Amino acid sequence: MALEFTDANFETEVMNSDKLTVIDFWAEWCGPCRAIGPVIEELAKDYDGKVNIGKVNVDQNPQLSINFGITSIPAILFVKGGKVVDKQVGAVPKAVLDKKIQANL
């Protein structure tokens, strides 16, 4: 299951993690976000224990959106070693995200 990242746990769970972390910035009212949600859940199962995969609700955690300059959702950030190493804006097929994960492992 995908993790839930918040303003409170982001530093510990993402920035200080030694694993690649995939973060889906989303909102309840966003149609494309809801469409990509199941893909994020599948990836979380596929990479369980190898990659941290989670979601940030932009309405509940506005500071994170500001910090990362998120202006369109869904926005998926790939963070490794406390730095953004890749980014995908918009809903895409699972294969696209899978390829980005593999490239950054």
Protein backbone atom coordinates (compact mmCIF):
# COMPACT_ATOMS: atom_id res chain seq x y z
CA MET A 1 0.00 0.00 0.00
CA ALA A 2 1.23 3.49 -0.82
CA LEU A 3 2.45 5.52 2.14
CA GLU A 4 0.91 8.83 3.12
CA PHE A 5 3.41 11.67 3.27
CA THR A 6 2.51 14.82 5.21
CA ASP A 7 4.12 18.08 6.27
CA ALA A 8 4.85 16.33 9.58
CA ASN A 9 6.57 13.14 8.35
CA PHE A 10 8.06 14.27 5.02
CA GLU A 11 11.53 15.13 6.33
CA THR A 12 11.94 11.75 8.04
CA GLU A 13 10.19 9.52 5.48
CA VAL A 14 11.44 11.15 2.27
CA MET A 15 14.35 13.55 2.69
CA ASN A 16 16.28 11.39 5.18
CA SER A 17 15.53 8.06 3.47
CA ASP A 18 18.35 6.12 1.85
CA LYS A 19 15.88 4.63 -0.65
CA LEU A 20 14.45 6.11 -3.82
CA THR A 21 11.11 7.68 -2.93
CA VAL A 22 8.28 8.22 -5.41
CA ILE A 23 5.77 10.88 -4.36
CA ASP A 24 2.40 11.39 -6.01
CA PHE A 25 1.09 14.91 -5.37
CA TRP A 26 -2.70 14.63 -5.76
CA ALA A 27 -6.10 15.94 -4.65
CA GLU A 28 -9.52 14.35 -4.14
CA TRP A 29 -11.17 16.62 -6.74
CA CYS A 30 -8.60 15.90 -9.49
CA GLY A 31 -9.86 13.38 -12.09
CA PRO A 32 -6.43 12.47 -13.54
CA CYS A 33 -5.14 12.04 -9.96
CA ARG A 34 -7.87 9.51 -9.22
CA ALA A 35 -7.06 7.74 -12.51
CA ILE A 36 -3.38 7.31 -11.62
CA GLY A 37 -4.08 6.32 -7.99
CA PRO A 38 -4.38 2.57 -8.72
CA VAL A 39 -1.11 2.69 -10.70
CA ILE A 40 0.67 4.21 -7.68
CA GLU A 41 -0.79 1.44 -5.48
CA GLU A 42 0.41 -1.24 -7.94
CA LEU A 43 3.91 0.23 -7.99
CA ALA A 44 3.92 0.31 -4.17
CA LYS A 45 3.23 -3.45 -4.18
CA ASP A 46 5.74 -4.16 -6.98
CA TYR A 47 8.58 -2.30 -5.23
CA ASP A 48 7.66 -3.07 -1.61
CA GLY A 49 10.82 -2.94 0.51
CA LYS A 50 12.95 -1.54 -2.35
CA VAL A 51 11.38 1.86 -3.06
CA ASN A 52 9.27 4.13 -0.84
CA ILE A 53 6.12 5.01 -2.76
CA GLY A 54 3.56 7.38 -1.36
CA LYS A 55 1.15 10.21 -1.84
CA VAL A 56 0.81 13.82 -0.71
CA ASN A 57 -2.67 15.32 -0.59
CA VAL A 58 -1.99 18.89 -1.77
CA ASP A 59 -5.09 20.27 -0.04
CA GLN A 60 -4.02 18.91 3.36
CA ASN A 61 -0.28 19.63 2.94
CA PRO A 62 -0.01 22.91 1.03
CA GLN A 63 3.50 23.69 2.30
CA LEU A 64 4.98 20.66 0.54
CA SER A 65 3.42 21.77 -2.76
CA ILE A 66 4.91 25.23 -2.30
CA ASN A 67 8.34 23.84 -1.35
CA PHE A 68 8.51 21.71 -4.50
CA GLY A 69 6.88 24.23 -6.85
CA ILE A 70 3.93 21.97 -7.64
CA THR A 71 1.56 23.93 -9.88
CA SER A 72 -0.15 21.06 -11.74
CA ILE A 73 -1.37 17.73 -10.43
CA PRO A 74 -0.92 14.87 -10.59
CA ALA A 75 2.79 15.56 -10.20
CA ILE A 76 5.07 12.66 -9.38
CA LEU A 77 8.49 13.41 -7.94
CA PHE A 78 11.35 10.94 -7.66
CA VAL A 79 13.57 11.79 -4.68
CA LYS A 80 16.88 10.14 -3.83
CA GLY A 81 19.42 11.31 -1.28
CA GLY A 82 17.22 14.29 -0.37
CA LYS A 83 17.19 15.61 -3.98
CA VAL A 84 14.59 15.48 -6.75
CA VAL A 85 16.15 13.26 -9.44
CA ASP A 86 13.18 13.06 -11.81
CA LYS A 87 9.64 14.37 -12.24
CA GLN A 88 6.48 13.43 -14.14
CA VAL A 89 3.53 15.80 -14.49
CA GLY A 90 0.20 14.39 -15.58
CA ALA A 91 -1.30 10.91 -15.63
CA VAL A 92 0.84 8.41 -17.56
CA PRO A 93 0.82 4.62 -18.05
CA LYS A 94 2.45 2.44 -15.41
CA ALA A 95 5.30 1.54 -17.81
CA VAL A 96 6.45 5.18 -17.92
CA LEU A 97 6.73 5.39 -14.13
CA ASP A 98 8.29 1.93 -13.94
CA LYS A 99 11.02 3.00 -16.38
CA LYS A 100 11.77 6.13 -14.33
CA ILE A 101 11.99 4.06 -11.13
CA GLN A 102 14.38 1.59 -12.78
CA ALA A 103 16.55 4.42 -14.10
CA ASN A 104 16.93 5.88 -10.60
CA LEU A 105 17.39 2.76 -8.49
